[in-house]
Amino acid sequence: MALKDKKVTIITDQKTPMQNIFGDKIGSVLQKLSEKNGISIITNAKVNSIEGEGRVTSVKLEKENIATDVLIIGTGVEAVT
């Protein structure tokens, strides 16, 4: 199955994706571009738990549960300068 046949969801606790790096305006552009290409984006969300035994089966948010086959966690990096 090609990558384009996979469902991708990005979960962020920010108002727009990468808001802390690029700001709201560019974050909004990135969100629209991603959604145009079939990526679902959930903003202003916090992950309550990651479920599964031996492998991840779902990610629980405050208001919904998202089934998953693969989970990639990006925690970000901030330079100390």
PDB file of N, CA and C in Angstrom:
ATOM      1  N   MET A   1       0.849  -1.177   0.000  1.00  0.00           N
ATOM      2  CA  MET A   1       0.000   0.000   0.000  1.00  0.00           C
ATOM      3  C   MET A   1       0.894   1.240   0.000  1.00  0.00           C
ATOM      4  N   ALA A   2       0.610   2.173  -0.848  1.00  0.00           N
ATOM      5  CA  ALA A   2       1.403   3.392  -0.962  1.00  0.00           C
ATOM      6  C   ALA A   2       1.135   4.314   0.221  1.00  0.00           C
ATOM      7  N   LEU A   3       2.099   5.169   0.511  1.00  0.00           N
ATOM      8  CA  LEU A   3       1.959   6.112   1.611  1.00  0.00           C
ATOM      9  C   LEU A   3       0.722   6.985   1.448  1.00  0.00           C
ATOM     10  N   LYS A   4       0.382   7.339   0.218  1.00  0.00           N
ATOM     11  CA  LYS A   4      -0.790   8.190   0.006  1.00  0.00           C
ATOM     12  C   LYS A   4      -2.084   7.502   0.405  1.00  0.00           C
ATOM     13  N   ASP A   5      -2.053   6.186   0.594  1.00  0.00           N
ATOM     14  CA  ASP A   5      -3.231   5.440   1.013  1.00  0.00           C
ATOM     15  C   ASP A   5      -3.348   5.342   2.530  1.00  0.00           C
ATOM     16  N   LYS A   6      -2.391   5.915   3.259  1.00  0.00           N
ATOM     17  CA  LYS A   6      -2.401   5.883   4.716  1.00  0.00           C
ATOM     18  C   LYS A   6      -3.094   7.122   5.271  1.00  0.00           C
ATOM     19  N   LYS A   7      -3.768   6.938   6.386  1.00  0.00           N
ATOM     20  CA  LYS A   7      -4.389   8.066   7.068  1.00  0.00           C
ATOM     21  C   LYS A   7      -3.388   8.597   8.092  1.00  0.00           C
ATOM     22  N   VAL A   8      -3.118   9.892   8.022  1.00  0.00           N
ATOM     23  CA  VAL A   8      -2.165  10.528   8.931  1.00  0.00           C
ATOM     24  C   VAL A   8      -2.897  11.587   9.741  1.00  0.00           C
ATOM     25  N   THR A   9      -2.655  11.579  11.046  1.00  0.00           N
ATOM     26  CA  THR A   9      -3.230  12.580  11.930  1.00  0.00           C
ATOM     27  C   THR A   9      -2.107  13.202  12.754  1.00  0.00           C
ATOM     28  N   ILE A  10      -2.078  14.526  12.788  1.00  0.00           N
ATOM     29  CA  ILE A  10      -1.126  15.252  13.625  1.00  0.00           C
ATOM     30  C   ILE A  10      -1.903  15.824  14.800  1.00  0.00           C
ATOM     31  N   ILE A  11      -1.372  15.616  15.998  1.00  0.00           N
ATOM     32  CA  ILE A  11      -1.998  16.137  17.209  1.00  0.00           C
ATOM     33  C   ILE A  11      -1.030  17.157  17.809  1.00  0.00           C
ATOM     34  N   THR A  12      -1.529  18.345  18.078  1.00  0.00           N
ATOM     35  CA  THR A  12      -0.703  19.377  18.691  1.00  0.00           C
ATOM     36  C   THR A  12      -1.472  20.081  19.803  1.00  0.00           C
ATOM     37  N   ASP A  13      -0.750  20.525  20.809  1.00  0.00           N
ATOM     38  CA  ASP A  13      -1.390  21.276  21.883  1.00  0.00           C
ATOM     39  C   ASP A  13      -1.420  22.766  21.575  1.00  0.00           C
ATOM     40  N   GLN A  14      -0.963  23.143  20.397  1.00  0.00           N
ATOM     41  CA  GLN A  14      -0.927  24.542  19.994  1.00  0.00           C
ATOM     42  C   GLN A  14      -2.134  24.895  19.125  1.00  0.00           C
ATOM     43  N   LYS A  15      -2.309  26.181  18.884  1.00  0.00           N
ATOM     44  CA  LYS A  15      -3.428  26.668  18.064  1.00  0.00           C
ATOM     45  C   LYS A  15      -3.245  26.283  16.599  1.00  0.00           C
ATOM     46  N   THR A  16      -2.006  26.272  16.134  1.00  0.00           N
ATOM     47  CA  THR A  16      -1.669  25.854  14.775  1.00  0.00           C
ATOM     48  C   THR A  16      -0.406  24.999  14.840  1.00  0.00           C
ATOM     49  N   PRO A  17      -0.170  24.138  13.863  1.00  0.00           N
ATOM     50  CA  PRO A  17       1.046  23.319  13.869  1.00  0.00           C
ATOM     51  C   PRO A  17       2.294  24.209  13.856  1.00  0.00           C
ATOM     52  N   MET A  18       3.256  23.858  14.669  1.00  0.00           N
ATOM     53  CA  MET A  18       4.556  24.533  14.738  1.00  0.00           C
ATOM     54  C   MET A  18       4.434  26.017  15.060  1.00  0.00           C
ATOM     55  N   GLN A  19       3.393  26.386  15.773  1.00  0.00           N
ATOM     56  CA  GLN A  19       3.132  27.774  16.146  1.00  0.00           C
ATOM     57  C   GLN A  19       4.302  28.358  16.932  1.00  0.00           C
ATOM     58  N   ASN A  20       4.892  27.563  17.817  1.00  0.00           N
ATOM     59  CA  ASN A  20       5.974  28.075  18.646  1.00  0.00           C
ATOM     60  C   ASN A  20       7.243  28.371  17.845  1.00  0.00           C
ATOM     61  N   ILE A  21       7.379  27.797  16.665  1.00  0.00           N
ATOM     62  CA  ILE A  21       8.560  28.010  15.832  1.00  0.00           C
ATOM     63  C   ILE A  21       8.304  29.105  14.798  1.00  0.00           C
ATOM     64  N   PHE A  22       7.170  29.008  14.090  1.00  0.00           N
ATOM     65  CA  PHE A  22       6.896  29.894  12.960  1.00  0.00           C
ATOM     66  C   PHE A  22       5.844  30.967  13.231  1.00  0.00           C
ATOM     67  N   GLY A  23       5.095  30.844  14.299  1.00  0.00           N
ATOM     68  CA  GLY A  23       4.015  31.788  14.572  1.00  0.00           C
ATOM     69  C   GLY A  23       2.698  31.319  13.972  1.00  0.00           C
ATOM     70  N   ASP A  24       1.630  32.056  14.312  1.00  0.00           N
ATOM     71  CA  ASP A  24       0.277  31.671  13.887  1.00  0.00           C
ATOM     72  C   ASP A  24       0.078  31.717  12.377  1.00  0.00           C
ATOM     73  N   LYS A  25       0.604  32.746  11.738  1.00  0.00           N
ATOM     74  CA  LYS A  25       0.347  32.938  10.312  1.00  0.00           C
ATOM     75  C   LYS A  25       0.916  31.783   9.478  1.00  0.00           C
ATOM     76  N   ILE A  26       2.180  31.463   9.686  1.00  0.00           N
ATOM     77  CA  ILE A  26       2.791  30.368   8.925  1.00  0.00           C
ATOM     78  C   ILE A  26       2.244  29.026   9.403  1.00  0.00           C
ATOM     79  N   GLY A  27       1.977  28.899  10.706  1.00  0.00           N
ATOM     80  CA  GLY A  27       1.361  27.676  11.219  1.00  0.00           C
ATOM     81  C   GLY A  27       0.027  27.400  10.552  1.00  0.00           C
ATOM     82  N   SER A  28      -0.751  28.445  10.325  1.00  0.00           N
ATOM     83  CA  SER A  28      -2.040  28.308   9.641  1.00  0.00           C
ATOM     84  C   SER A  28      -1.856  27.874   8.183  1.00  0.00           C
ATOM     85  N   VAL A  29      -0.853  28.445   7.518  1.00  0.00           N
ATOM     86  CA  VAL A  29      -0.551  28.051   6.137  1.00  0.00           C
ATOM     87  C   VAL A  29      -0.145  26.582   6.093  1.00  0.00           C
ATOM     88  N   LEU A  30       0.705  26.160   7.026  1.00  0.00           N
ATOM     89  CA  LEU A  30       1.129  24.748   7.082  1.00  0.00           C
ATOM     90  C   LEU A  30      -0.064  23.832   7.326  1.00  0.00           C
ATOM     91  N   GLN A  31      -0.980  24.257   8.190  1.00  0.00           N
ATOM     92  CA  GLN A  31      -2.159  23.439   8.475  1.00  0.00           C
ATOM     93  C   GLN A  31      -3.026  23.294   7.237  1.00  0.00           C
ATOM     94  N   LYS A  32      -3.289  24.389   6.547  1.00  0.00           N
ATOM     95  CA  LYS A  32      -4.126  24.331   5.345  1.00  0.00           C
ATOM     96  C   LYS A  32      -3.483  23.473   4.261  1.00  0.00           C
ATOM     97  N   LEU A  33      -2.177  23.619   4.084  1.00  0.00           N
ATOM     98  CA  LEU A  33      -1.462  22.826   3.089  1.00  0.00           C
ATOM     99  C   LEU A  33      -1.511  21.337   3.439  1.00  0.00           C
ATOM    100  N   SER A  34      -1.305  21.023   4.704  1.00  0.00           N
ATOM    101  CA  SER A  34      -1.359  19.625   5.152  1.00  0.00           C
ATOM    102  C   SER A  34      -2.744  19.039   4.946  1.00  0.00           C
ATOM    103  N   GLU A  35      -3.768  19.777   5.344  1.00  0.00           N
ATOM    104  CA  GLU A  35      -5.145  19.295   5.202  1.00  0.00           C
ATOM    105  C   GLU A  35      -5.521  19.130   3.725  1.00  0.00           C
ATOM    106  N   LYS A  36      -5.028  20.019   2.891  1.00  0.00           N
ATOM    107  CA  LYS A  36      -5.269  19.910   1.448  1.00  0.00           C
ATOM    108  C   LYS A  36      -4.694  18.606   0.895  1.00  0.00           C
ATOM    109  N   ASN A  37      -3.620  18.130   1.536  1.00  0.00           N
ATOM    110  CA  ASN A  37      -2.962  16.897   1.109  1.00  0.00           C
ATOM    111  C   ASN A  37      -3.415  15.676   1.911  1.00  0.00           C
ATOM    112  N   GLY A  38      -4.553  15.797   2.595  1.00  0.00           N
ATOM    113  CA  GLY A  38      -5.171  14.641   3.242  1.00  0.00           C
ATOM    114  C   GLY A  38      -4.725  14.339   4.662  1.00  0.00           C
ATOM    115  N   ILE A  39      -3.978  15.242   5.282  1.00  0.00           N
ATOM    116  CA  ILE A  39      -3.530  15.023   6.661  1.00  0.00           C
ATOM    117  C   ILE A  39      -4.528  15.687   7.602  1.00  0.00           C
ATOM    118  N   SER A  40      -5.021  14.924   8.578  1.00  0.00           N
ATOM    119  CA  SER A  40      -5.917  15.477   9.595  1.00  0.00           C
ATOM    120  C   SER A  40      -5.068  16.128  10.676  1.00  0.00           C
ATOM    121  N   ILE A  41      -5.499  17.281  11.148  1.00  0.00           N
ATOM    122  CA  ILE A  41      -4.767  17.968  12.208  1.00  0.00           C
ATOM    123  C   ILE A  41      -5.733  18.295  13.336  1.00  0.00           C
ATOM    124  N   ILE A  42      -5.356  17.885  14.531  1.00  0.00           N
ATOM    125  CA  ILE A  42      -6.140  18.170  15.725  1.00  0.00           C
ATOM    126  C   ILE A  42      -5.321  19.155  16.551  1.00  0.00           C
ATOM    127  N   THR A  43      -5.870  20.350  16.754  1.00  0.00           N
ATOM    128  CA  THR A  43      -5.156  21.393  17.484  1.00  0.00           C
ATOM    129  C   THR A  43      -5.731  21.564  18.884  1.00  0.00           C
ATOM    130  N   ASN A  44      -4.992  22.286  19.714  1.00  0.00           N
ATOM    131  CA  ASN A  44      -5.401  22.559  21.100  1.00  0.00           C
ATOM    132  C   ASN A  44      -5.764  21.278  21.847  1.00  0.00           C
ATOM    133  N   ALA A  45      -4.994  20.229  21.630  1.00  0.00           N
ATOM    134  CA  ALA A  45      -5.305  18.926  22.230  1.00  0.00           C
ATOM    135  C   ALA A  45      -4.157  18.445  23.113  1.00  0.00           C
ATOM    136  N   LYS A  46      -4.496  17.687  24.098  1.00  0.00           N
ATOM    137  CA  LYS A  46      -3.511  17.059  24.967  1.00  0.00           C
ATOM    138  C   LYS A  46      -3.735  15.548  24.918  1.00  0.00           C
ATOM    139  N   VAL A  47      -2.657  14.800  24.820  1.00  0.00           N
ATOM    140  CA  VAL A  47      -2.741  13.344  24.853  1.00  0.00           C
ATOM    141  C   VAL A  47      -2.880  12.925  26.308  1.00  0.00           C
ATOM    142  N   ASN A  48      -3.970  12.223  26.631  1.00  0.00           N
ATOM    143  CA  ASN A  48      -4.181  11.733  27.991  1.00  0.00           C
ATOM    144  C   ASN A  48      -3.461  10.413  28.228  1.00  0.00           C
ATOM    145  N   SER A  49      -3.472   9.540  27.204  1.00  0.00           N
ATOM    146  CA  SER A  49      -2.792   8.255  27.349  1.00  0.00           C
ATOM    147  C   SER A  49      -2.564   7.616  25.994  1.00  0.00           C
ATOM    148  N   ILE A  50      -1.626   6.697  25.984  1.00  0.00           N
ATOM    149  CA  ILE A  50      -1.341   5.878  24.807  1.00  0.00           C
ATOM    150  C   ILE A  50      -1.697   4.457  25.199  1.00  0.00           C
ATOM    151  N   GLU A  51      -2.571   3.822  24.445  1.00  0.00           N
ATOM    152  CA  GLU A  51      -3.119   2.516  24.798  1.00  0.00           C
ATOM    153  C   GLU A  51      -2.518   1.390  23.961  1.00  0.00           C
ATOM    154  N   GLY A  52      -2.508   0.205  24.543  1.00  0.00           N
ATOM    155  CA  GLY A  52      -2.065  -0.985  23.830  1.00  0.00           C
ATOM    156  C   GLY A  52      -1.126  -1.821  24.690  1.00  0.00           C
ATOM    157  N   GLU A  53      -1.025  -3.081  24.336  1.00  0.00           N
ATOM    158  CA  GLU A  53      -0.105  -3.991  25.008  1.00  0.00           C
ATOM    159  C   GLU A  53       0.792  -4.613  23.963  1.00  0.00           C
ATOM    160  N   GLY A  54       2.085  -4.338  24.058  1.00  0.00           N
ATOM    161  CA  GLY A  54       3.016  -4.859  23.079  1.00  0.00           C
ATOM    162  C   GLY A  54       3.127  -3.995  21.832  1.00  0.00           C
ATOM    163  N   ARG A  55       2.083  -3.241  21.544  1.00  0.00           N
ATOM    164  CA  ARG A  55       2.076  -2.287  20.433  1.00  0.00           C
ATOM    165  C   ARG A  55       0.989  -1.256  20.700  1.00  0.00           C
ATOM    166  N   VAL A  56       1.149  -0.089  20.133  1.00  0.00           N
ATOM    167  CA  VAL A  56       0.162   0.982  20.319  1.00  0.00           C
ATOM    168  C   VAL A  56      -1.077   0.678  19.487  1.00  0.00           C
ATOM    169  N   THR A  57      -2.229   0.791  20.117  1.00  0.00           N
ATOM    170  CA  THR A  57      -3.488   0.570  19.400  1.00  0.00           C
ATOM    171  C   THR A  57      -4.338   1.829  19.315  1.00  0.00           C
ATOM    172  N   SER A  58      -4.121   2.767  20.248  1.00  0.00           N
ATOM    173  CA  SER A  58      -4.884   4.011  20.197  1.00  0.00           C
ATOM    174  C   SER A  58      -4.229   5.104  21.031  1.00  0.00           C
ATOM    175  N   VAL A  59      -4.622   6.316  20.721  1.00  0.00           N
ATOM    176  CA  VAL A  59      -4.189   7.491  21.467  1.00  0.00           C
ATOM    177  C   VAL A  59      -5.449   8.140  22.018  1.00  0.00           C
ATOM    178  N   LYS A  60      -5.502   8.312  23.334  1.00  0.00           N
ATOM    179  CA  LYS A  60      -6.682   8.899  23.963  1.00  0.00           C
ATOM    180  C   LYS A  60      -6.433  10.375  24.228  1.00  0.00           C
ATOM    181  N   LEU A  61      -7.330  11.178  23.671  1.00  0.00           N
ATOM    182  CA  LEU A  61      -7.342  12.606  23.936  1.00  0.00           C
ATOM    183  C   LEU A  61      -8.467  12.894  24.914  1.00  0.00           C
ATOM    184  N   GLU A  62      -8.600  14.124  25.324  1.00  0.00           N
ATOM    185  CA  GLU A  62      -9.654  14.474  26.264  1.00  0.00           C
ATOM    186  C   GLU A  62     -11.047  14.165  25.717  1.00  0.00           C
ATOM    187  N   LYS A  63     -11.259  14.453  24.410  1.00  0.00           N
ATOM    188  CA  LYS A  63     -12.608  14.319  23.847  1.00  0.00           C
ATOM    189  C   LYS A  63     -12.759  13.202  22.828  1.00  0.00           C
ATOM    190  N   GLU A  64     -11.660  12.507  22.493  1.00  0.00           N
ATOM    191  CA  GLU A  64     -11.783  11.435  21.503  1.00  0.00           C
ATOM    192  C   GLU A  64     -10.665  10.418  21.648  1.00  0.00           C
ATOM    193  N   ASN A  65     -10.882   9.278  21.021  1.00  0.00           N
ATOM    194  CA  ASN A  65      -9.930   8.188  21.015  1.00  0.00           C
ATOM    195  C   ASN A  65      -9.579   7.910  19.553  1.00  0.00           C
ATOM    196  N   ILE A  66      -8.294   7.928  19.225  1.00  0.00           N
ATOM    197  CA  ILE A  66      -7.862   7.744  17.847  1.00  0.00           C
ATOM    198  C   ILE A  66      -7.162   6.401  17.711  1.00  0.00           C
ATOM    199  N   ALA A  67      -7.733   5.500  16.908  1.00  0.00           N
ATOM    200  CA  ALA A  67      -7.108   4.203  16.645  1.00  0.00           C
ATOM    201  C   ALA A  67      -5.844   4.422  15.821  1.00  0.00           C
ATOM    202  N   THR A  68      -4.807   3.620  16.090  1.00  0.00           N
ATOM    203  CA  THR A  68      -3.547   3.793  15.374  1.00  0.00           C
ATOM    204  C   THR A  68      -2.818   2.472  15.184  1.00  0.00           C
ATOM    205  N   ASP A  69      -2.081   2.398  14.092  1.00  0.00           N
ATOM    206  CA  ASP A  69      -1.194   1.269  13.844  1.00  0.00           C
ATOM    207  C   ASP A  69       0.247   1.651  14.160  1.00  0.00           C
ATOM    208  N   VAL A  70       0.565   2.933  13.952  1.00  0.00           N
ATOM    209  CA  VAL A  70       1.917   3.442  14.171  1.00  0.00           C
ATOM    210  C   VAL A  70       1.802   4.789  14.873  1.00  0.00           C
ATOM    211  N   LEU A  71       2.669   5.018  15.840  1.00  0.00           N
ATOM    212  CA  LEU A  71       2.685   6.289  16.552  1.00  0.00           C
ATOM    213  C   LEU A  71       4.097   6.851  16.502  1.00  0.00           C
ATOM    214  N   ILE A  72       4.209   8.088  16.062  1.00  0.00           N
ATOM    215  CA  ILE A  72       5.481   8.796  16.057  1.00  0.00           C
ATOM    216  C   ILE A  72       5.330   9.990  16.984  1.00  0.00           C
ATOM    217  N   ILE A  73       6.222  10.102  17.954  1.00  0.00           N
ATOM    218  CA  ILE A  73       6.156  11.193  18.922  1.00  0.00           C
ATOM    219  C   ILE A  73       7.263  12.181  18.610  1.00  0.00           C
ATOM    220  N   GLY A  74       6.894  13.428  18.412  1.00  0.00           N
ATOM    221  CA  GLY A  74       7.854  14.508  18.212  1.00  0.00           C
ATOM    222  C   GLY A  74       7.754  15.468  19.385  1.00  0.00           C
ATOM    223  N   THR A  75       8.781  15.547  20.185  1.00  0.00           N
ATOM    224  CA  THR A  75       8.729  16.393  21.367  1.00  0.00           C
ATOM    225  C   THR A  75       9.300  17.780  21.117  1.00  0.00           C
ATOM    226  N   GLY A  76      10.039  17.938  20.023  1.00  0.00           N
ATOM    227  CA  GLY A  76      10.586  19.248  19.692  1.00  0.00           C
ATOM    228  C   GLY A  76      11.921  19.507  20.373  1.00  0.00           C
ATOM    229  N   VAL A  77      12.583  20.501  19.879  1.00  0.00           N
ATOM    230  CA  VAL A  77      13.882  20.896  20.401  1.00  0.00           C
ATOM    231  C   VAL A  77      13.928  22.407  20.444  1.00  0.00           C
ATOM    232  N   GLU A  78      14.476  22.939  21.507  1.00  0.00           N
ATOM    233  CA  GLU A  78      14.630  24.375  21.605  1.00  0.00           C
ATOM    234  C   GLU A  78      16.077  24.680  21.981  1.00  0.00           C
ATOM    235  N   ALA A  79      16.729  25.461  21.142  1.00  0.00           N
ATOM    236  CA  ALA A  79      18.133  25.801  21.396  1.00  0.00           C
ATOM    237  C   ALA A  79      18.271  26.706  22.602  1.00  0.00           C
ATOM    238  N   VAL A  80      19.304  26.479  23.368  1.00  0.00           N
ATOM    239  CA  VAL A  80      19.590  27.336  24.516  1.00  0.00           C
ATOM    240  C   VAL A  80      20.680  28.305  24.071  1.00  0.00           C
ATOM    241  N   THR A  81      20.269  29.499  23.686  1.00  0.00           N
ATOM    242  CA  THR A  81      21.239  30.495  23.234  1.00  0.00           C
ATOM    243  C   THR A  81      21.049  31.811  23.947  1.00  0.00           C
TER     244      THR A  81
END
